Amino acid sequence: MLRILSFVFIFYFEHAMINVLSRRATYDHERKVYHDHLESLQVMDKEYRTMAEEVAKLRAELNNTANVDKRAGTFFCCDTLLCVGLCTCAYAYAHVHA
């Protein structure tokens, strides 16, 4: 009787240990995935902030340039080439510059 009880105990103990190890492996994997995702989000955030700063600089430069060009009677095209008359932009639409 004692042998049967010890066998049952060992069986359940081994099953519990396998279950614990499996859950630990799952936890470690999920933790790694979470930290990798968090790191990629931080990199994306940094890139977006850099792009926003570039856009702000380019917008300021475009506004300054547009103000100068308006006085000269010409404008910048959508592809940033100085043009006069009919312009066909890379964005597939045409417009007339003064």
N, C-alpha and C. Protein backbone atom coordinates (compact mmCIF):
# COMPACT_ATOMS: atom_id res chain seq x y z
N MET A 1 0.83 -1.19 0.00
CA MET A 1 0.00 0.00 0.00
C MET A 1 0.87 1.25 0.00
N LEU A 2 1.93 1.19 0.77
CA LEU A 2 2.83 2.34 0.85
C LEU A 2 3.53 2.59 -0.48
N ARG A 3 3.86 1.52 -1.18
CA ARG A 3 4.50 1.66 -2.49
C ARG A 3 3.55 2.32 -3.47
N ILE A 4 2.31 1.97 -3.44
CA ILE A 4 1.32 2.56 -4.34
C ILE A 4 1.17 4.04 -4.04
N LEU A 5 1.07 4.40 -2.77
CA LEU A 5 0.95 5.81 -2.39
C LEU A 5 2.19 6.59 -2.80
N SER A 6 3.36 6.02 -2.60
CA SER A 6 4.57 6.73 -2.99
C SER A 6 4.64 6.88 -4.51
N PHE A 7 4.18 5.87 -5.25
CA PHE A 7 4.16 5.97 -6.70
C PHE A 7 3.20 7.07 -7.15
N VAL A 8 2.03 7.12 -6.55
CA VAL A 8 1.04 8.15 -6.88
C VAL A 8 1.60 9.53 -6.54
N PHE A 9 2.24 9.65 -5.39
CA PHE A 9 2.83 10.93 -4.98
C PHE A 9 3.90 11.37 -5.97
N ILE A 10 4.78 10.44 -6.35
CA ILE A 10 5.85 10.76 -7.30
C ILE A 10 5.26 11.16 -8.65
N PHE A 11 4.22 10.44 -9.09
CA PHE A 11 3.58 10.77 -10.37
C PHE A 11 3.02 12.18 -10.34
N TYR A 12 2.27 12.52 -9.30
CA TYR A 12 1.68 13.86 -9.22
C TYR A 12 2.75 14.93 -9.02
N PHE A 13 3.79 14.62 -8.28
CA PHE A 13 4.88 15.57 -8.07
C PHE A 13 5.59 15.86 -9.39
N GLU A 14 5.89 14.81 -10.17
CA GLU A 14 6.53 15.01 -11.47
C GLU A 14 5.62 15.80 -12.40
N HIS A 15 4.35 15.50 -12.40
CA HIS A 15 3.38 16.21 -13.24
C HIS A 15 3.33 17.69 -12.83
N ALA A 16 3.34 17.95 -11.53
CA ALA A 16 3.32 19.33 -11.05
C ALA A 16 4.60 20.06 -11.44
N MET A 17 5.74 19.40 -11.35
CA MET A 17 7.01 20.02 -11.73
C MET A 17 7.04 20.34 -13.23
N ILE A 18 6.55 19.42 -14.05
CA ILE A 18 6.48 19.67 -15.49
C ILE A 18 5.57 20.87 -15.77
N ASN A 19 4.45 20.93 -15.06
CA ASN A 19 3.52 22.04 -15.22
C ASN A 19 4.18 23.35 -14.81
N VAL A 20 4.89 23.36 -13.70
CA VAL A 20 5.58 24.57 -13.24
C VAL A 20 6.64 25.00 -14.24
N LEU A 21 7.43 24.06 -14.73
CA LEU A 21 8.47 24.39 -15.70
C LEU A 21 7.88 24.91 -17.00
N SER A 22 6.78 24.32 -17.41
CA SER A 22 6.12 24.78 -18.63
C SER A 22 5.60 26.20 -18.46
N ARG A 23 4.98 26.46 -17.32
CA ARG A 23 4.47 27.81 -17.07
C ARG A 23 5.61 28.81 -16.94
N ARG A 24 6.72 28.40 -16.37
CA ARG A 24 7.87 29.29 -16.24
C ARG A 24 8.44 29.62 -17.63
N ALA A 25 8.52 28.61 -18.48
CA ALA A 25 9.00 28.85 -19.84
C ALA A 25 8.07 29.80 -20.59
N THR A 26 6.77 29.61 -20.42
CA THR A 26 5.80 30.50 -21.04
C THR A 26 5.95 31.91 -20.51
N TYR A 27 6.10 32.05 -19.20
CA TYR A 27 6.28 33.37 -18.58
C TYR A 27 7.53 34.05 -19.11
N ASP A 28 8.65 33.33 -19.17
CA ASP A 28 9.90 33.91 -19.67
C ASP A 28 9.77 34.35 -21.12
N HIS A 29 9.10 33.51 -21.93
CA HIS A 29 8.90 33.87 -23.33
C HIS A 29 8.04 35.13 -23.47
N GLU A 30 6.92 35.17 -22.76
CA GLU A 30 6.04 36.34 -22.82
C GLU A 30 6.74 37.60 -22.32
N ARG A 31 7.57 37.45 -21.31
CA ARG A 31 8.32 38.59 -20.79
C ARG A 31 9.30 39.12 -21.83
N LYS A 32 9.99 38.21 -22.51
CA LYS A 32 10.93 38.60 -23.56
C LYS A 32 10.20 39.29 -24.71
N VAL A 33 9.07 38.73 -25.12
CA VAL A 33 8.29 39.33 -26.20
C VAL A 33 7.83 40.73 -25.80
N TYR A 34 7.36 40.89 -24.57
CA TYR A 34 6.91 42.20 -24.09
C TYR A 34 8.05 43.21 -24.11
N HIS A 35 9.23 42.82 -23.61
CA HIS A 35 10.36 43.75 -23.58
C HIS A 35 10.85 44.08 -24.98
N ASP A 36 10.84 43.11 -25.89
CA ASP A 36 11.21 43.38 -27.28
C ASP A 36 10.23 44.36 -27.91
N HIS A 37 8.94 44.15 -27.66
CA HIS A 37 7.91 45.05 -28.20
C HIS A 37 8.06 46.45 -27.61
N LEU A 38 8.30 46.53 -26.32
CA LEU A 38 8.49 47.82 -25.67
C LEU A 38 9.70 48.55 -26.25
N GLU A 39 10.77 47.82 -26.48
CA GLU A 39 11.97 48.42 -27.07
C GLU A 39 11.68 48.93 -28.48
N SER A 40 10.96 48.16 -29.28
CA SER A 40 10.64 48.61 -30.64
C SER A 40 9.72 49.83 -30.60
N LEU A 41 8.79 49.88 -29.64
CA LEU A 41 7.93 51.07 -29.51
C LEU A 41 8.74 52.30 -29.15
N GLN A 42 9.74 52.14 -28.29
CA GLN A 42 10.59 53.27 -27.92
C GLN A 42 11.41 53.75 -29.12
N VAL A 43 11.90 52.82 -29.93
CA VAL A 43 12.65 53.20 -31.13
C VAL A 43 11.73 53.93 -32.10
N MET A 44 10.51 53.41 -32.29
CA MET A 44 9.55 54.07 -33.18
C MET A 44 9.20 55.46 -32.67
N ASP A 45 9.03 55.61 -31.37
CA ASP A 45 8.72 56.91 -30.79
C ASP A 45 9.85 57.90 -31.06
N LYS A 46 11.07 57.43 -30.89
CA LYS A 46 12.23 58.30 -31.15
C LYS A 46 12.28 58.70 -32.62
N GLU A 47 12.02 57.74 -33.53
CA GLU A 47 12.02 58.06 -34.95
C GLU A 47 10.90 59.04 -35.30
N TYR A 48 9.71 58.86 -34.71
CA TYR A 48 8.61 59.78 -34.98
C TYR A 48 8.93 61.18 -34.48
N ARG A 49 9.54 61.27 -33.32
CA ARG A 49 9.92 62.59 -32.80
C ARG A 49 10.95 63.26 -33.71
N THR A 50 11.93 62.48 -34.19
CA THR A 50 12.93 63.01 -35.11
C THR A 50 12.28 63.48 -36.40
N MET A 51 11.35 62.68 -36.94
CA MET A 51 10.65 63.07 -38.16
C MET A 51 9.82 64.33 -37.94
N ALA A 52 9.17 64.44 -36.78
CA ALA A 52 8.37 65.63 -36.48
C ALA A 52 9.25 66.87 -36.41
N GLU A 53 10.43 66.72 -35.83
CA GLU A 53 11.37 67.86 -35.79
C GLU A 53 11.82 68.23 -37.20
N GLU A 54 12.09 67.23 -38.04
CA GLU A 54 12.48 67.50 -39.42
C GLU A 54 11.37 68.21 -40.17
N VAL A 55 10.13 67.74 -39.98
CA VAL A 55 8.99 68.36 -40.64
C VAL A 55 8.85 69.81 -40.20
N ALA A 56 9.01 70.08 -38.92
CA ALA A 56 8.92 71.45 -38.42
C ALA A 56 10.01 72.32 -39.04
N LYS A 57 11.22 71.80 -39.13
CA LYS A 57 12.32 72.56 -39.75
C LYS A 57 12.04 72.81 -41.23
N LEU A 58 11.60 71.77 -41.94
CA LEU A 58 11.30 71.93 -43.36
C LEU A 58 10.14 72.89 -43.58
N ARG A 59 9.12 72.81 -42.71
CA ARG A 59 7.98 73.72 -42.84
C ARG A 59 8.44 75.17 -42.63
N ALA A 60 9.27 75.39 -41.64
CA ALA A 60 9.79 76.74 -41.40
C ALA A 60 10.64 77.20 -42.58
N GLU A 61 11.48 76.31 -43.10
CA GLU A 61 12.31 76.66 -44.25
C GLU A 61 11.44 76.95 -45.47
N LEU A 62 10.41 76.15 -45.68
CA LEU A 62 9.51 76.36 -46.82
C LEU A 62 8.77 77.68 -46.67
N ASN A 63 8.31 77.99 -45.47
CA ASN A 63 7.62 79.26 -45.26
C ASN A 63 8.55 80.44 -45.52
N ASN A 64 9.78 80.35 -45.04
CA ASN A 64 10.74 81.42 -45.28
C ASN A 64 11.06 81.55 -46.77
N THR A 65 11.23 80.41 -47.43
CA THR A 65 11.54 80.43 -48.86
C THR A 65 10.34 80.92 -49.66
N ALA A 66 9.14 80.48 -49.29
CA ALA A 66 7.94 80.90 -50.01
C ALA A 66 7.75 82.40 -49.89
N ASN A 67 8.06 82.95 -48.73
CA ASN A 67 7.92 84.39 -48.56
C ASN A 67 8.89 85.13 -49.47
N VAL A 68 10.10 84.65 -49.60
CA VAL A 68 11.08 85.28 -50.47
C VAL A 68 10.65 85.13 -51.92
N ASP A 69 10.19 83.92 -52.30
CA ASP A 69 9.83 83.67 -53.69
C ASP A 69 8.58 84.43 -54.11
N LYS A 70 7.65 84.65 -53.19
CA LYS A 70 6.45 85.40 -53.54
C LYS A 70 6.82 86.81 -53.97
N ARG A 71 7.80 87.38 -53.31
CA ARG A 71 8.25 88.72 -53.68
C ARG A 71 8.90 88.69 -55.06
N ALA A 72 9.53 87.58 -55.41
CA ALA A 72 10.20 87.48 -56.70
C ALA A 72 9.23 87.10 -57.81
N GLY A 73 8.02 86.68 -57.46
CA GLY A 73 7.02 86.33 -58.46
C GLY A 73 7.02 84.87 -58.86
N THR A 74 7.74 84.01 -58.14
CA THR A 74 7.74 82.57 -58.43
C THR A 74 7.49 81.80 -57.14
N PHE A 75 7.14 80.54 -57.28
CA PHE A 75 6.87 79.67 -56.13
C PHE A 75 7.65 78.38 -56.29
N PHE A 76 7.75 77.65 -55.22
CA PHE A 76 8.33 76.32 -55.31
C PHE A 76 7.27 75.32 -55.72
N CYS A 77 7.69 74.41 -56.55
CA CYS A 77 6.81 73.34 -57.01
C CYS A 77 6.68 72.30 -55.89
N CYS A 78 5.76 71.37 -56.04
CA CYS A 78 5.57 70.32 -55.04
C CYS A 78 6.79 69.44 -54.86
N ASP A 79 7.59 69.29 -55.93
CA ASP A 79 8.81 68.49 -55.79
C ASP A 79 10.01 69.39 -55.50
N THR A 80 9.75 70.60 -55.01
CA THR A 80 10.72 71.58 -54.53
C THR A 80 11.66 72.11 -55.61
N LEU A 81 11.29 72.00 -56.87
CA LEU A 81 12.07 72.61 -57.95
C LEU A 81 11.45 73.96 -58.27
N LEU A 82 12.25 74.96 -58.41
CA LEU A 82 11.76 76.27 -58.77
C LEU A 82 11.27 76.23 -60.20
N CYS A 83 10.03 76.62 -60.42
CA CYS A 83 9.49 76.54 -61.76
C CYS A 83 8.61 77.75 -62.04
N VAL A 84 8.40 77.99 -63.30
CA VAL A 84 7.54 79.09 -63.74
C VAL A 84 6.61 78.52 -64.78
N GLY A 85 5.35 78.98 -64.79
CA GLY A 85 4.40 78.52 -65.79
C GLY A 85 3.73 77.23 -65.36
N LEU A 86 3.43 76.36 -66.32
CA LEU A 86 2.72 75.11 -66.05
C LEU A 86 3.67 74.09 -65.45
N CYS A 87 3.29 73.49 -64.35
CA CYS A 87 4.15 72.54 -63.66
C CYS A 87 3.42 71.21 -63.55
N THR A 88 4.06 70.12 -63.96
CA THR A 88 3.50 68.79 -63.75
C THR A 88 4.33 68.13 -62.66
N CYS A 89 3.75 67.99 -61.51
CA CYS A 89 4.48 67.49 -60.33
C CYS A 89 4.55 65.97 -60.34
N ALA A 90 5.42 65.47 -59.50
CA ALA A 90 5.55 64.03 -59.33
C ALA A 90 4.31 63.44 -58.68
N TYR A 91 3.44 64.29 -58.13
CA TYR A 91 2.23 63.82 -57.45
C TYR A 91 1.06 63.70 -58.41
N ALA A 92 1.33 63.76 -59.72
CA ALA A 92 0.35 63.48 -60.79
C ALA A 92 -0.78 64.49 -60.85
N TYR A 93 -0.51 65.73 -60.57
CA TYR A 93 -1.50 66.76 -60.86
C TYR A 93 -0.76 68.01 -61.32
N ALA A 94 -1.43 68.81 -62.07
CA ALA A 94 -0.78 70.00 -62.64
C ALA A 94 -1.39 71.25 -62.03
N HIS A 95 -0.59 72.26 -61.90
CA HIS A 95 -1.07 73.54 -61.42
C HIS A 95 -0.20 74.64 -62.01
N VAL A 96 -0.69 75.83 -61.98
CA VAL A 96 0.02 76.95 -62.59
C VAL A 96 0.65 77.79 -61.50
N HIS A 97 1.92 78.10 -61.68
CA HIS A 97 2.62 78.98 -60.75
C HIS A 97 2.60 80.40 -61.29
N ALA A 98 2.55 81.36 -60.41
CA ALA A 98 2.52 82.76 -60.83
C ALA A 98 3.89 83.21 -61.29
